[in-house]
Amino acid sequence: YRSAKLPDSTLAPTKVKQLIPFVAGKEDGQGYEFSTDSTIITLTRYKMGFIQKEEKINRRDASGLKQGMWKTFHPNGLVKTEITFFDDKMNGYLKEYGPNGSLTNTTKYINGTIQTNAPELAKLDVKSSYFETGTVKFTGTYRDGVAEGIHREFSPEGKVIAAKVYVDGYLTGEGILDTAGRQQGLWKEYHPNGEVKSQGEYLNSKRVGDWAFYHPNKKMEQKGKYDRKGRAQGIWKWYYESGNLLREENYRNDLQDGTMTEYSDSGKVITKGDYIDGLKEGPWMLELPEYKEEGVFKADQREGEWKHYYTENGKYRFIGKFIDGVPEGNHVFYYLNGKDKQSGKYSAGLRDGEWRFYDETGALFLTILYKNDVEIRFDGIKVTPETVSSETSIK
């Protein structure tokens, strides 16, 4: 689907299990998972086929008690309310939002009881100063005398010449924030320890030009360039806190394009391959802590023969073939000592025929006969087929 309008509650249309947005054939946008009673239980943010963020909400424990974060939604999909439950009692801050996403009310609860005089929810005081002409020179908000929120300075002509953002008295950012609330010009953002977190220019709240991001220890974390539309362009580099290069890749119109190389902190290449318009394409090498993968991607899908090698001794861990990202043909897994671990055949992503399982000495200890990914014989004994889902990912 491209968009989903949700009811004014935690519920979805009857019997819907998942809503996942697709753009150009790939998951992209906000997805939802529902329980058997149609309550939203998982929020998943997708981009270009990858999961960016997953949040489990509206869950009950084995006793049926509400636990963790619970949310309701407006018909347009934006959050209406959110609150944390512990053993079916509200704990923390009940936040209520309008249909446009603006926070309209906050109430504090402890063990289901409203805290009527929570000091942190006290209303902010607005302080202002003026030029002799009567025009505003400064305006800012405070809580119990401590700077909180946006502080602006104005020229005698009424133009915003500086803005600072505070949280609990700590400066988190400074630059130009126009009267429409848009970031403009040079901005600096800060870590809680006061060190610069990022620095660059905004145009109508979009990053433009060269930007640099820093670790709390002042060392470079990331640097690159944005165009006038706020899209990442050209070479981008990431760094470890040690200062060593972590990753180097190219962007074109906010999409990865060209060679991406990732390094360990010691400088060893651990991932390398090419992107075309944000999709992996051609030969790739990916090294994980225990093994290394080598193979080819075609339009972001595994294609042809892939091989895994144990990093400890360089011996095979896996050999298998893929077509459009789907397992096909013989797949063999190996132990660290080089002995077969398991082997069998896939047909269109489904296990088919006899799969064999071995111990570390190479001795066969189990055979399972599959038909369309369903077990029909277990060590020669016929079994009653049960509908199961195909597990196509490599373990």
Protein backbone atom coordinates (compact mmCIF):
# COMPACT_ATOMS: atom_id res chain seq x y z
CA TYR A 1 0.00 0.00 0.00
CA ARG A 2 1.08 3.59 -0.34
CA SER A 3 -0.73 5.06 2.64
CA ALA A 4 -2.88 3.75 5.44
CA LYS A 5 -5.53 5.65 7.36
CA LEU A 6 -5.90 4.26 10.84
CA PRO A 7 -8.98 4.50 13.04
CA ASP A 8 -9.02 6.92 15.95
CA SER A 9 -7.60 4.25 18.28
CA THR A 10 -4.97 1.53 18.48
CA LEU A 11 -7.04 -0.66 16.17
CA ALA A 12 -6.84 -1.56 12.49
CA PRO A 13 -9.39 -2.92 10.01
CA THR A 14 -10.56 -6.39 11.06
CA LYS A 15 -8.21 -9.33 10.38
CA VAL A 16 -5.40 -7.23 8.88
CA LYS A 17 -2.07 -8.64 10.13
CA GLN A 18 0.36 -6.19 8.56
CA LEU A 19 0.37 -2.96 6.58
CA ILE A 20 3.66 -2.34 4.76
CA PRO A 21 4.17 0.59 2.36
CA PHE A 22 5.93 -0.08 -0.94
CA VAL A 23 7.56 2.41 -3.31
CA ALA A 24 9.00 1.12 -6.60
CA GLY A 25 8.67 -2.45 -5.34
CA LYS A 26 10.53 -1.88 -2.05
CA GLU A 27 9.34 -1.34 1.50
CA ASP A 28 9.46 2.39 2.17
CA GLY A 29 7.66 4.35 4.88
CA GLN A 30 5.75 3.53 8.07
CA GLY A 31 4.60 -0.08 8.48
CA TYR A 32 2.29 -1.59 11.08
CA GLU A 33 1.84 -5.05 12.62
CA PHE A 34 -1.43 -6.02 14.34
CA SER A 35 -2.43 -8.55 16.97
CA THR A 36 -5.28 -11.02 16.50
CA ASP A 37 -7.69 -8.46 18.01
CA SER A 38 -6.44 -5.87 15.45
CA THR A 39 -4.46 -3.79 17.95
CA ILE A 40 -1.30 -2.20 16.54
CA ILE A 41 1.63 -3.99 18.22
CA THR A 42 4.67 -3.01 16.12
CA LEU A 43 5.70 0.16 14.29
CA THR A 44 8.37 -0.38 11.62
CA ARG A 45 10.03 2.38 9.62
CA TYR A 46 11.34 1.25 6.21
CA LYS A 47 13.61 2.98 3.69
CA MET A 48 14.56 1.51 0.31
CA GLY A 49 13.72 -2.03 1.45
CA PHE A 50 15.61 -1.85 4.76
CA ILE A 51 14.30 -1.56 8.32
CA GLN A 52 15.45 1.73 9.87
CA LYS A 53 13.60 1.50 13.17
CA GLU A 54 11.26 -0.95 14.88
CA GLU A 55 9.19 -0.21 17.98
CA LYS A 56 7.04 -2.75 19.83
CA ILE A 57 3.97 -1.17 21.42
CA ASN A 58 0.59 -2.05 22.96
CA ARG A 59 1.77 -5.36 24.45
CA ARG A 60 0.33 -7.48 27.25
CA ASP A 61 2.13 -10.08 29.35
CA ALA A 62 1.03 -13.69 29.90
CA SER A 63 -1.41 -12.52 32.58
CA GLY A 64 -3.06 -10.05 30.22
CA LEU A 65 -1.58 -6.98 31.94
CA LYS A 66 -0.48 -4.02 29.86
CA GLN A 67 3.30 -3.59 29.80
CA GLY A 68 5.60 -1.08 28.12
CA MET A 69 4.68 1.68 25.67
CA TRP A 70 1.04 2.05 24.58
CA LYS A 71 -0.05 4.38 21.80
CA THR A 72 -3.25 5.43 20.06
CA PHE A 73 -3.43 7.13 16.67
CA HIS A 74 -5.39 9.76 14.78
CA PRO A 75 -7.06 8.71 11.49
CA ASN A 76 -4.13 10.27 9.58
CA GLY A 77 -1.69 7.88 11.26
CA LEU A 78 -0.08 10.40 13.63
CA VAL A 79 0.18 9.54 17.33
CA LYS A 80 -2.76 10.71 19.44
CA THR A 81 -1.62 9.51 22.89
CA GLU A 82 1.36 7.65 24.35
CA ILE A 83 2.07 6.35 27.86
CA THR A 84 4.13 3.59 29.50
CA PHE A 85 2.37 0.85 31.47
CA PHE A 86 3.78 -1.34 34.23
CA ASP A 87 1.53 -4.17 35.42
CA ASP A 88 -1.53 -2.50 33.86
CA LYS A 89 -0.87 0.85 35.58
CA MET A 90 0.21 4.04 33.83
CA ASN A 91 3.70 5.20 34.77
CA GLY A 92 5.51 8.22 33.39
CA TYR A 93 4.11 10.92 31.12
CA LEU A 94 0.83 10.63 29.25
CA LYS A 95 1.38 12.75 26.15
CA GLU A 96 -1.54 13.91 24.03
CA TYR A 97 -1.08 15.19 20.48
CA GLY A 98 -3.26 17.03 18.00
CA PRO A 99 -3.99 15.74 14.46
CA ASN A 100 -1.08 17.86 13.18
CA GLY A 101 1.41 16.21 15.56
CA SER A 102 1.66 19.10 18.03
CA LEU A 103 1.83 18.25 21.74
CA THR A 104 -1.38 19.47 23.39
CA ASN A 105 -1.11 18.13 26.94
CA THR A 106 1.23 16.22 29.27
CA THR A 107 0.16 14.47 32.48
CA LYS A 108 2.43 12.61 34.89
CA TYR A 109 1.41 9.25 36.41
CA ILE A 110 3.00 7.06 39.07
CA ASN A 111 1.44 3.60 39.52
CA GLY A 112 -1.76 4.79 37.85
CA THR A 113 -2.12 7.92 40.00
CA ILE A 114 -1.99 11.43 38.52
CA GLN A 115 0.79 13.63 39.92
CA THR A 116 -0.94 17.00 40.05
CA ASN A 117 2.08 19.13 40.97
CA ALA A 118 4.89 17.62 38.90
CA PRO A 119 7.53 20.41 38.89
CA GLU A 120 8.93 19.45 35.48
CA LEU A 121 5.52 20.12 33.90
CA ALA A 122 5.30 23.64 35.23
CA LYS A 123 4.46 26.20 32.58
CA LEU A 124 7.36 28.00 30.96
CA ASP A 125 7.91 31.68 31.69
CA VAL A 126 8.52 33.94 28.70
CA LYS A 127 11.02 36.74 29.22
CA SER A 128 11.56 39.56 26.76
CA SER A 129 13.61 42.74 26.44
CA TYR A 130 13.04 45.70 24.12
CA PHE A 131 14.85 48.42 22.22
CA GLU A 132 14.11 52.03 23.15
CA THR A 133 11.83 52.12 20.12
CA GLY A 134 9.67 49.44 21.70
CA THR A 135 10.55 46.67 19.25
CA VAL A 136 11.54 43.28 20.66
CA LYS A 137 15.28 42.81 21.25
CA PHE A 138 15.19 39.38 22.94
CA THR A 139 12.67 36.70 23.82
CA GLY A 140 13.20 33.35 25.53
CA THR A 141 11.51 30.79 27.75
CA TYR A 142 12.55 29.67 31.24
CA ARG A 143 11.47 27.10 33.79
CA ASP A 144 12.11 28.17 37.38
CA GLY A 145 14.72 30.61 36.12
CA VAL A 146 16.55 28.00 34.02
CA ALA A 147 16.76 28.46 30.26
CA GLU A 148 14.50 26.03 28.38
CA GLY A 149 13.50 26.00 24.72
CA ILE A 150 14.17 28.64 22.05
CA HIS A 151 15.81 32.00 22.75
CA ARG A 152 15.90 34.60 19.95
CA GLU A 153 17.74 37.89 19.48
CA PHE A 154 16.39 40.52 17.05
CA SER A 155 17.83 43.46 15.16
CA PRO A 156 16.19 46.89 15.60
CA GLU A 157 14.43 46.17 12.29
CA GLY A 158 12.83 43.03 13.77
CA LYS A 159 15.01 40.50 11.96
CA VAL A 160 16.18 37.41 13.87
CA ILE A 161 19.96 37.70 14.18
CA ALA A 162 20.65 34.80 16.55
CA ALA A 163 18.88 31.89 18.19
CA LYS A 164 19.83 29.38 20.86
CA VAL A 165 18.11 26.19 21.95
CA TYR A 166 18.33 25.03 25.59
CA VAL A 167 17.35 21.86 27.44
CA ASP A 168 17.47 22.05 31.24
CA GLY A 169 19.78 25.03 31.00
CA TYR A 170 22.24 23.35 28.63
CA LEU A 171 22.87 24.82 25.20
CA THR A 172 22.04 22.19 22.54
CA GLY A 173 22.19 24.34 19.42
CA GLU A 174 22.70 27.86 18.14
CA GLY A 175 22.23 29.66 14.85
CA ILE A 176 19.44 31.55 13.10
CA LEU A 177 15.86 30.44 13.70
CA ASP A 178 13.44 32.63 11.77
CA THR A 179 9.99 33.66 12.98
CA ALA A 180 8.49 30.69 11.11
CA GLY A 181 10.66 28.34 13.20
CA ARG A 182 12.97 27.42 10.29
CA GLN A 183 16.71 27.00 10.76
CA GLN A 184 18.74 29.34 8.55
CA GLY A 185 22.44 29.94 7.97
CA LEU A 186 25.31 28.60 10.08
CA TRP A 187 24.32 26.30 12.95
CA LYS A 188 26.22 24.53 15.68
CA GLU A 189 24.72 21.69 17.69
CA TYR A 190 26.23 20.43 20.94
CA HIS A 191 26.71 17.21 22.90
CA PRO A 192 25.59 17.16 26.57
CA ASN A 193 29.25 17.69 27.57
CA GLY A 194 29.25 21.01 25.68
CA GLU A 195 31.43 19.87 22.80
CA VAL A 196 30.32 20.57 19.23
CA LYS A 197 28.18 17.73 17.84
CA SER A 198 27.63 19.07 14.33
CA GLN A 199 28.28 22.20 12.31
CA GLY A 200 27.00 23.41 8.96
CA GLU A 201 24.48 25.61 7.19
CA TYR A 202 20.70 25.35 6.91
CA LEU A 203 18.38 26.73 4.28
CA ASN A 204 14.75 26.63 5.41
CA SER A 205 15.64 23.82 7.88
CA LYS A 206 17.39 21.74 5.19
CA ARG A 207 21.10 21.05 5.54
CA VAL A 208 23.10 22.55 2.66
CA GLY A 209 26.79 22.69 1.78
CA ASP A 210 29.58 21.10 3.83
CA TRP A 211 28.62 19.50 7.15
CA ALA A 212 30.81 18.01 9.85
CA PHE A 213 29.74 15.81 12.77
CA TYR A 214 31.87 15.10 15.84
CA HIS A 215 32.18 12.52 18.60
CA PRO A 216 31.92 13.81 22.20
CA ASN A 217 35.74 13.55 22.38
CA LYS A 218 36.00 16.28 19.66
CA LYS A 219 37.20 13.86 16.98
CA MET A 220 35.47 13.81 13.60
CA GLU A 221 32.56 11.37 13.32
CA GLN A 222 31.25 12.10 9.82
CA LYS A 223 31.64 14.66 7.05
CA GLY A 224 30.10 15.29 3.67
CA LYS A 225 28.13 17.70 1.51
CA TYR A 226 24.45 18.45 0.87
CA ASP A 227 23.01 20.21 -2.17
CA ARG A 228 20.50 23.09 -2.08
CA LYS A 229 17.65 20.62 -1.76
CA GLY A 230 19.15 19.01 1.35
CA ARG A 231 20.28 15.86 -0.48
CA ALA A 232 23.59 14.16 0.33
CA GLN A 233 26.02 14.40 -2.60
CA GLY A 234 29.54 13.21 -3.37
CA ILE A 235 31.99 11.53 -1.00
CA TRP A 236 30.95 10.96 2.63
CA LYS A 237 33.32 9.69 5.29
CA TRP A 238 32.69 8.22 8.76
CA TYR A 239 35.28 7.87 11.52
CA TYR A 240 35.77 5.88 14.71
CA GLU A 241 36.21 7.72 18.02
CA SER A 242 39.89 6.87 17.63
CA GLY A 243 39.97 9.09 14.54
CA ASN A 244 40.52 6.17 12.17
CA LEU A 245 38.42 5.93 9.00
CA LEU A 246 35.31 3.75 9.42
CA ARG A 247 33.52 4.07 6.07
CA GLU A 248 33.80 5.90 2.77
CA GLU A 249 30.99 6.04 0.23
CA ASN A 250 29.49 8.15 -2.52
CA TYR A 251 26.04 9.72 -2.73
CA ARG A 252 24.07 11.05 -5.67
CA ASN A 253 20.81 12.84 -4.92
CA ASP A 254 20.64 11.34 -1.41
CA LEU A 255 21.17 7.77 -2.69
CA GLN A 256 24.33 5.71 -2.32
CA ASP A 257 25.99 5.51 -5.72
CA GLY A 258 29.44 4.09 -6.44
CA THR A 259 31.87 2.15 -4.27
CA MET A 260 31.33 1.79 -0.52
CA THR A 261 34.25 0.63 1.62
CA GLU A 262 34.10 -0.05 5.35
CA TYR A 263 37.12 -0.56 7.60
CA SER A 264 37.85 -2.00 11.01
CA ASP A 265 39.38 0.34 13.58
CA SER A 266 42.75 -1.19 12.68
CA GLY A 267 42.32 -0.26 9.00
CA LYS A 268 41.34 -3.66 7.58
CA VAL A 269 38.71 -3.64 4.80
CA ILE A 270 35.64 -5.47 6.17
CA THR A 271 32.97 -4.52 3.61
CA LYS A 272 33.28 -3.45 0.00
CA GLY A 273 30.93 -3.20 -2.95
CA ASP A 274 29.14 -0.88 -5.35
CA TYR A 275 25.78 0.87 -5.27
CA ILE A 276 23.74 2.12 -8.21
CA ASP A 277 20.90 4.49 -7.29
CA GLY A 278 20.85 3.20 -3.71
CA LEU A 279 20.87 -0.50 -4.64
CA LYS A 280 23.74 -2.94 -4.20
CA GLU A 281 25.10 -4.04 -7.57
CA GLY A 282 27.94 -6.35 -8.62
CA PRO A 283 30.56 -8.17 -6.49
CA TRP A 284 30.40 -7.63 -2.72
CA MET A 285 32.51 -8.69 0.22
CA LEU A 286 31.12 -8.50 3.75
CA GLU A 287 33.16 -9.57 6.76
CA LEU A 288 31.40 -10.35 10.04
CA PRO A 289 33.12 -11.24 13.34
CA GLU A 290 33.09 -15.01 12.66
CA TYR A 291 32.95 -15.28 8.87
CA LYS A 292 33.23 -13.46 5.56
CA GLU A 293 30.67 -13.44 2.72
CA GLU A 294 31.46 -13.08 -0.98
CA GLY A 295 29.04 -12.94 -3.87
CA VAL A 296 27.17 -10.78 -6.35
CA PHE A 297 24.19 -8.47 -5.91
CA LYS A 298 21.81 -7.62 -8.71
CA ALA A 299 19.36 -4.79 -8.02
CA ASP A 300 19.99 -5.21 -4.26
CA GLN A 301 19.29 -8.97 -4.34
CA ARG A 302 21.78 -11.82 -3.99
CA GLU A 303 22.41 -13.39 -7.39
CA GLY A 304 24.34 -16.52 -8.34
CA GLU A 305 26.75 -18.41 -6.10
CA TRP A 306 27.58 -17.03 -2.66
CA LYS A 307 30.36 -18.31 -0.44
CA HIS A 308 31.07 -17.80 3.25
CA TYR A 309 34.49 -18.37 4.81
CA TYR A 310 35.41 -18.75 8.48
CA THR A 311 37.69 -15.87 9.43
CA GLU A 312 39.61 -18.11 11.82
CA ASN A 313 40.99 -20.49 9.20
CA GLY A 314 39.62 -19.42 5.81
CA LYS A 315 37.66 -22.65 5.31
CA TYR A 316 34.19 -22.68 3.78
CA ARG A 317 31.24 -21.98 6.07
CA PHE A 318 28.59 -22.00 3.34
CA ILE A 319 28.17 -22.40 -0.43
CA GLY A 320 24.85 -21.80 -2.15
CA LYS A 321 23.11 -20.20 -5.10
CA PHE A 322 20.48 -17.44 -5.27
CA ILE A 323 18.19 -16.15 -8.00
CA ASP A 324 16.70 -12.69 -7.35
CA GLY A 325 17.60 -13.08 -3.67
CA VAL A 326 15.81 -16.44 -3.37
CA PRO A 327 17.76 -19.62 -2.49
CA GLU A 328 17.96 -22.09 -5.38
CA GLY A 329 19.68 -25.46 -5.87
CA ASN A 330 22.14 -27.13 -3.51
CA HIS A 331 23.10 -25.32 -0.29
CA VAL A 332 25.85 -26.68 1.93
CA PHE A 333 26.90 -25.50 5.40
CA TYR A 334 30.21 -26.51 7.00
CA TYR A 335 31.74 -26.76 10.46
CA LEU A 336 34.89 -24.84 11.34
CA ASN A 337 36.89 -28.05 10.82
CA GLY A 338 35.70 -28.28 7.21
CA LYS A 339 33.25 -31.15 7.75
CA ASP A 340 29.73 -30.92 6.31
CA LYS A 341 27.19 -29.53 8.81
CA GLN A 342 24.02 -29.72 6.71
CA SER A 343 23.16 -29.89 3.05
CA GLY A 344 20.08 -29.91 0.88
CA LYS A 345 18.29 -28.39 -2.06
CA TYR A 346 16.07 -25.36 -2.53
CA SER A 347 13.51 -24.97 -5.28
CA ALA A 348 12.18 -21.43 -5.73
CA GLY A 349 13.13 -20.63 -2.13
CA LEU A 350 11.51 -23.75 -0.65
CA ARG A 351 13.38 -26.72 0.80
CA ASP A 352 12.80 -29.68 -1.45
CA GLY A 353 14.03 -33.26 -1.28
CA GLU A 354 16.38 -34.78 1.26
CA TRP A 355 18.28 -32.58 3.70
CA ARG A 356 21.14 -34.17 5.63
CA PHE A 357 22.54 -33.13 9.01
CA TYR A 358 25.97 -34.15 10.34
CA ASP A 359 27.90 -33.93 13.60
CA GLU A 360 31.36 -32.35 13.78
CA THR A 361 33.06 -35.68 13.03
CA GLY A 362 31.22 -35.88 9.71
CA ALA A 363 28.83 -38.62 10.83
CA LEU A 364 25.26 -38.37 9.52
CA PHE A 365 22.80 -38.13 12.41
CA LEU A 366 19.56 -36.91 10.79
CA THR A 367 17.78 -36.83 7.44
CA ILE A 368 14.62 -34.87 6.69
CA LEU A 369 12.65 -35.15 3.47
CA TYR A 370 10.94 -31.94 2.38
CA LYS A 371 8.29 -31.19 -0.20
CA ASN A 372 7.51 -27.51 -0.79
CA ASP A 373 9.31 -26.67 2.48
CA VAL A 374 7.14 -29.09 4.48
CA GLU A 375 8.63 -32.09 6.33
CA ILE A 376 7.18 -35.33 4.98
CA ARG A 377 9.75 -37.80 6.36
CA PHE A 378 11.88 -37.51 9.48
CA ASP A 379 14.71 -40.08 9.59
CA GLY A 380 12.67 -42.30 7.30
CA ILE A 381 9.48 -41.99 9.33
CA LYS A 382 6.53 -40.46 7.53
CA VAL A 383 5.13 -37.38 9.26
CA THR A 384 1.85 -35.52 8.87
CA PRO A 385 2.60 -32.29 6.97
CA GLU A 386 1.90 -29.02 8.71
CA THR A 387 1.85 -25.67 6.98
CA VAL A 388 5.05 -23.80 7.82
CA SER A 389 6.68 -20.67 6.52
CA SER A 390 9.80 -20.91 4.40
CA GLU A 391 12.91 -19.65 6.16
CA THR A 392 14.98 -18.41 3.28
CA SER A 393 17.62 -16.43 5.13
CA ILE A 394 21.02 -17.95 5.76
CA LYS A 395 21.57 -18.88 9.40
